[in-house]
Amino acid sequence: MGAGGFFPHISPNRVDYLIRNPDQLELGGRRQECSFVFTDLAGFTSLMERMDPADAVSVLNAYLDTMVTIAFRRGGTLDRIVGDSVAIMFSAPVVQPDHRARALACALEMHAFAARYAGESRAKGIALGQTRIGVHTGEVIVGNFGGKTLFDYRALGDAVNTASRLEGANKYLGTLICVSEETLSGCPDAVVRPIASLVLKGKTQTLNVYEPIAAQEANGRKPERDTAYEKAFELLKRRDPLALEAFERLAEERPTDALVRLHRDRLRSGEKGDTIILEEK
């Protein structure tokens, strides 16, 4: 559909499911494990203030149209759209044994599209920002919530909030995709590098998170393990004094690698280990 066109808000798999199971239109929910993809387009609110409203809507519609289309193609269910942010759910209403792999594949495809779209927009003089993505898996309550005047199919639970928080964590970490260990447990072929052991705002337990190599490679090559980074990170994790030297060397070799700079700066300031406590959402 075109930039100014209407994109489907109702997931095809949701429609098919209700046709086969009309009784599921009743209020209520069930507990199950799902995977979630949360996205956010950085800086779009401020960009809209500088654009003609019609042009801004056209740019946003084209972006959302493709983001949602990617999710549907991967078998995802649209949980919600809030402004320029999108939340996608996998394994509901139709159970998908490979929901973790679907979620990661969806996130990577969304990332690739968003990078291309931002580049094309900037070439036209529209300073579109980067898209940040969080991916997490966990148990939630899925179903129809509301009342006589509101009827909404969605997921509720900590896993949903965590996926959203991981999207936001990218801003601090300097990454564009932040994937939890829980999701990666179902993606044996994923090529990633460790980011940190995060303590999200309001939490006490740590969450191991990773960055897909494809998320920081824009040349289209097949992703390969970042062994140099992995070795430096292992030193960091073990609180080895040689970690600072390793990250100083990497930072010189990779001046644009934000994650490397993050750990180098943490070590320079006296922090040790791979645990990062986030004070903001």
Protein backbone atom coordinates (compact mmCIF):
# COMPACT_ATOMS: atom_id res chain seq x y z
CA MET A 1 0.00 0.00 0.00
CA GLY A 2 1.11 3.54 -0.64
CA ALA A 3 2.53 6.02 1.77
CA GLY A 4 -0.83 7.63 2.38
CA GLY A 5 -2.77 4.36 2.35
CA PHE A 6 -4.50 2.43 5.07
CA PHE A 7 -2.59 -0.46 6.63
CA PRO A 8 -4.33 -3.38 8.34
CA HIS A 9 -4.68 -3.05 12.11
CA ILE A 10 -6.11 -6.55 12.56
CA SER A 11 -3.61 -9.39 12.26
CA PRO A 12 -4.53 -11.95 9.58
CA ASN A 13 -3.83 -14.86 11.94
CA ARG A 14 -6.17 -13.28 14.49
CA VAL A 15 -8.97 -13.03 11.90
CA ASP A 16 -8.49 -16.64 10.77
CA TYR A 17 -8.46 -17.82 14.37
CA LEU A 18 -11.74 -16.05 15.22
CA ILE A 19 -13.44 -17.43 12.11
CA ARG A 20 -12.55 -20.94 13.24
CA ASN A 21 -13.17 -20.21 16.94
CA PRO A 22 -15.99 -17.65 17.29
CA ASP A 23 -16.37 -18.53 20.98
CA GLN A 24 -13.03 -16.78 21.60
CA LEU A 25 -14.73 -13.39 21.22
CA GLU A 26 -15.68 -13.58 24.88
CA LEU A 27 -13.87 -11.58 27.55
CA GLY A 28 -11.12 -13.38 29.43
CA GLY A 29 -7.60 -14.66 28.97
CA ARG A 30 -5.25 -17.59 29.33
CA ARG A 31 -1.70 -17.92 30.56
CA GLN A 32 0.93 -18.87 27.99
CA GLU A 33 4.45 -18.18 26.79
CA CYS A 34 4.89 -15.63 24.00
CA SER A 35 7.64 -13.60 22.36
CA PHE A 36 7.42 -9.86 21.87
CA VAL A 37 9.00 -7.29 19.58
CA PHE A 38 8.79 -3.62 20.57
CA THR A 39 10.00 -0.84 18.26
CA ASP A 40 10.39 2.92 18.54
CA LEU A 41 11.41 5.52 15.97
CA ALA A 42 13.85 7.87 17.67
CA GLY A 43 13.18 11.60 17.43
CA PHE A 44 10.05 11.42 15.32
CA THR A 45 7.94 13.60 17.63
CA SER A 46 10.37 16.50 17.33
CA LEU A 47 10.73 15.88 13.59
CA MET A 48 6.96 16.22 13.15
CA GLU A 49 7.10 19.70 14.68
CA ARG A 50 9.38 20.81 11.84
CA MET A 51 7.42 19.15 9.01
CA ASP A 52 4.21 19.88 7.20
CA PRO A 53 1.57 17.72 8.95
CA ALA A 54 0.50 16.02 5.72
CA ASP A 55 4.11 15.12 4.86
CA ALA A 56 4.76 13.84 8.38
CA VAL A 57 1.69 11.59 8.26
CA SER A 58 2.73 10.27 4.85
CA VAL A 59 6.24 9.43 6.07
CA LEU A 60 4.93 7.74 9.21
CA ASN A 61 2.20 5.77 7.42
CA ALA A 62 4.67 4.36 4.91
CA TYR A 63 7.00 3.38 7.75
CA LEU A 64 4.28 1.74 9.87
CA ASP A 65 2.73 0.05 6.85
CA THR A 66 5.93 -1.85 6.11
CA MET A 67 6.80 -2.55 9.75
CA VAL A 68 3.39 -4.16 10.32
CA THR A 69 3.55 -6.00 6.99
CA ILE A 70 6.89 -7.54 8.02
CA ALA A 71 5.38 -8.67 11.33
CA PHE A 72 2.36 -10.24 9.62
CA ARG A 73 4.58 -12.00 7.11
CA ARG A 74 6.48 -13.57 10.02
CA GLY A 75 3.21 -14.70 11.61
CA GLY A 76 3.12 -12.03 14.28
CA THR A 77 0.03 -10.49 15.89
CA LEU A 78 -0.26 -6.74 16.23
CA ASP A 79 -0.53 -5.98 19.93
CA ARG A 80 -0.66 -2.21 19.59
CA ILE A 81 0.54 0.89 17.75
CA VAL A 82 1.23 3.99 19.82
CA GLY A 83 2.38 6.91 17.72
CA ASP A 84 5.47 5.69 15.87
CA SER A 85 5.95 2.67 18.19
CA VAL A 86 4.86 -0.86 17.32
CA ALA A 87 4.36 -3.88 19.59
CA ILE A 88 4.17 -7.34 18.02
CA MET A 89 3.29 -10.63 19.73
CA PHE A 90 4.17 -14.16 18.63
CA SER A 91 2.45 -17.44 19.57
CA ALA A 92 -0.98 -15.93 20.19
CA PRO A 93 -3.71 -16.50 19.32
CA VAL A 94 -2.21 -19.37 17.30
CA VAL A 95 0.49 -21.25 19.23
CA GLN A 96 3.83 -21.19 17.39
CA PRO A 97 6.48 -23.59 18.74
CA ASP A 98 9.15 -21.49 16.99
CA HIS A 99 7.90 -18.14 18.32
CA ARG A 100 11.35 -17.15 19.60
CA ALA A 101 12.96 -17.59 16.18
CA ARG A 102 10.05 -15.80 14.50
CA ALA A 103 10.41 -12.83 16.83
CA LEU A 104 14.14 -12.50 16.22
CA ALA A 105 13.73 -12.86 12.45
CA CYS A 106 11.00 -10.22 12.54
CA ALA A 107 13.22 -7.83 14.51
CA LEU A 108 16.12 -8.26 12.09
CA GLU A 109 13.92 -7.71 9.04
CA MET A 110 12.35 -4.64 10.65
CA HIS A 111 15.82 -3.30 11.44
CA ALA A 112 17.00 -3.77 7.86
CA PHE A 113 13.94 -2.03 6.45
CA ALA A 114 14.08 0.84 8.96
CA ALA A 115 17.74 1.49 8.15
CA ARG A 116 16.99 1.60 4.42
CA TYR A 117 13.93 3.79 4.90
CA ALA A 118 15.81 6.24 7.10
CA GLY A 119 18.58 6.48 4.51
CA GLU A 120 16.11 7.10 1.70
CA SER A 121 14.33 9.72 3.79
CA ARG A 122 17.53 11.55 4.66
CA ALA A 123 18.42 11.63 0.96
CA LYS A 124 15.15 13.53 0.46
CA GLY A 125 16.02 15.99 3.22
CA ILE A 126 13.92 14.31 5.95
CA ALA A 127 16.06 13.69 9.04
CA LEU A 128 14.41 10.42 10.07
CA GLY A 129 15.94 8.83 13.16
CA GLN A 130 17.01 5.28 13.88
CA THR A 131 14.62 2.56 14.96
CA ARG A 132 15.33 0.89 18.30
CA ILE A 133 14.02 -2.63 18.94
CA GLY A 134 13.57 -4.78 22.06
CA VAL A 135 12.86 -8.53 21.95
CA HIS A 136 11.90 -10.70 24.91
CA THR A 137 10.08 -13.95 25.71
CA GLY A 138 8.06 -14.92 28.76
CA GLU A 139 4.78 -16.03 30.26
CA VAL A 140 1.84 -13.62 30.00
CA ILE A 141 -1.95 -13.52 30.14
CA VAL A 142 -3.35 -13.34 26.59
CA GLY A 143 -6.96 -12.65 25.78
CA ASN A 144 -9.79 -10.19 25.38
CA PHE A 145 -9.82 -7.41 27.94
CA GLY A 146 -12.28 -4.58 28.42
CA GLY A 147 -16.00 -4.28 29.02
CA LYS A 148 -19.20 -3.17 27.33
CA THR A 149 -17.56 -0.20 25.61
CA LEU A 150 -14.01 -1.53 25.17
CA PHE A 151 -12.91 -4.86 23.74
CA ASP A 152 -9.21 -5.32 23.19
CA TYR A 153 -7.15 -8.45 22.41
CA ARG A 154 -3.70 -8.20 23.91
CA ALA A 155 -1.12 -9.62 26.30
CA LEU A 156 -0.57 -8.51 29.88
CA GLY A 157 2.37 -9.39 32.06
CA ASP A 158 5.97 -8.76 32.98
CA ALA A 159 7.32 -10.13 29.69
CA VAL A 160 5.50 -7.39 27.78
CA ASN A 161 6.94 -4.69 30.03
CA THR A 162 10.41 -6.19 29.77
CA ALA A 163 10.36 -6.18 25.96
CA SER A 164 9.37 -2.52 26.09
CA ARG A 165 12.14 -1.73 28.58
CA LEU A 166 14.70 -3.48 26.37
CA GLU A 167 13.67 -1.27 23.46
CA GLY A 168 14.28 1.76 25.66
CA ALA A 169 17.59 0.37 26.96
CA ASN A 170 19.08 0.68 23.49
CA LYS A 171 19.22 4.44 23.95
CA TYR A 172 21.59 4.07 26.90
CA LEU A 173 23.55 1.12 25.51
CA GLY A 174 24.14 2.61 22.07
CA THR A 175 22.63 -0.44 20.36
CA LEU A 176 19.66 -0.71 17.99
CA ILE A 177 18.44 -4.21 18.87
CA CYS A 178 18.47 -5.63 22.39
CA VAL A 179 17.48 -9.32 22.64
CA SER A 180 17.09 -11.26 25.87
CA GLU A 181 18.68 -14.61 26.60
CA GLU A 182 15.16 -16.03 26.98
CA THR A 183 14.42 -15.33 23.33
CA LEU A 184 17.81 -16.49 22.11
CA SER A 185 17.33 -19.87 23.80
CA GLY A 186 15.12 -20.75 20.83
CA CYS A 187 17.45 -19.32 18.18
CA PRO A 188 20.45 -21.68 18.04
CA ASP A 189 21.80 -20.24 14.79
CA ALA A 190 21.66 -16.60 15.86
CA VAL A 191 24.94 -14.71 15.60
CA VAL A 192 25.09 -12.28 18.51
CA ARG A 193 27.46 -10.64 20.94
CA PRO A 194 26.80 -10.07 24.65
CA ILE A 195 25.76 -6.58 25.70
CA ALA A 196 25.52 -6.85 29.46
CA SER A 197 23.70 -8.33 32.41
CA LEU A 198 21.03 -5.67 32.87
CA VAL A 199 19.05 -4.72 35.93
CA LEU A 200 16.06 -2.88 34.48
CA LYS A 201 14.41 -0.04 36.37
CA GLY A 202 12.15 -1.41 39.10
CA LYS A 203 13.80 -4.87 38.95
CA THR A 204 16.23 -6.67 41.22
CA GLN A 205 17.18 -9.65 39.05
CA THR A 206 19.64 -9.40 36.18
CA LEU A 207 18.73 -10.13 32.57
CA ASN A 208 21.39 -11.22 30.09
CA VAL A 209 20.94 -9.35 26.82
CA TYR A 210 22.62 -9.54 23.43
CA GLU A 211 23.03 -7.60 20.20
CA PRO A 212 22.61 -9.43 16.88
CA ILE A 213 25.72 -8.91 14.77
CA ALA A 214 23.48 -8.06 11.80
CA ALA A 215 22.18 -5.05 13.71
CA GLN A 216 25.54 -3.28 13.55
CA GLU A 217 26.64 -4.43 10.08
CA ALA A 218 25.22 -2.40 7.21
CA ASN A 219 27.17 -4.01 4.38
CA GLY A 220 24.88 -6.99 3.82
CA ARG A 221 27.59 -9.56 4.56
CA LYS A 222 26.74 -12.78 6.32
CA PRO A 223 27.12 -12.10 10.07
CA GLU A 224 30.19 -13.58 11.72
CA ARG A 225 31.04 -13.90 15.39
CA ASP A 226 32.84 -10.92 16.85
CA THR A 227 35.58 -12.92 18.54
CA ALA A 228 37.72 -9.90 19.44
CA TYR A 229 34.81 -8.30 21.27
CA GLU A 230 33.87 -11.61 22.92
CA LYS A 231 37.38 -11.99 24.34
CA ALA A 232 37.36 -8.45 25.71
CA PHE A 233 33.87 -8.98 27.17
CA GLU A 234 34.98 -12.20 28.88
CA LEU A 235 37.76 -10.24 30.60
CA LEU A 236 35.17 -7.66 31.64
CA LYS A 237 32.86 -10.34 32.97
CA ARG A 238 35.67 -11.87 35.03
CA ARG A 239 36.63 -8.42 36.35
CA ASP A 240 40.10 -8.94 34.93
CA PRO A 241 42.28 -5.79 35.10
CA LEU A 242 43.25 -6.43 31.46
CA ALA A 243 39.67 -5.66 30.35
CA LEU A 244 40.31 -1.92 30.13
CA GLU A 245 43.34 -2.42 27.90
CA ALA A 246 41.32 -4.75 25.65
CA PHE A 247 38.48 -2.27 25.25
CA GLU A 248 40.86 0.67 24.78
CA ARG A 249 42.41 -1.22 21.88
CA LEU A 250 39.02 -2.10 20.39
CA ALA A 251 37.84 1.50 20.70
CA GLU A 252 40.85 2.69 18.70
CA GLU A 253 40.16 0.11 16.01
CA ARG A 254 36.39 0.77 15.98
CA PRO A 255 35.69 4.45 16.69
CA THR A 256 32.02 4.10 15.66
CA ASP A 257 31.23 1.03 17.79
CA ALA A 258 28.99 2.46 20.50
CA LEU A 259 28.90 -0.70 22.60
CA VAL A 260 32.69 -0.87 22.73
CA ARG A 261 32.81 2.79 23.81
CA LEU A 262 30.22 2.11 26.49
CA HIS A 263 32.29 -0.59 28.16
CA ARG A 264 35.54 1.33 27.73
CA ASP A 265 34.02 4.37 29.41
CA ARG A 266 32.54 2.24 32.20
CA LEU A 267 35.94 0.72 32.87
CA ARG A 268 37.63 4.12 32.75
CA SER A 269 35.22 5.38 35.41
CA GLY A 270 36.12 2.49 37.70
CA GLU A 271 33.14 0.19 37.08
CA LYS A 272 33.85 -3.54 36.92
CA GLY A 273 31.97 -6.58 35.68
CA ASP A 274 29.21 -6.91 33.10
CA THR A 275 26.28 -5.82 35.28
CA ILE A 276 24.62 -2.54 34.32
CA ILE A 277 21.87 -1.03 36.45
CA LEU A 278 19.49 1.15 34.45
CA GLU A 279 17.90 3.98 36.38
CA GLU A 280 15.53 4.98 33.58
CA LYS A 281 12.89 3.12 31.57
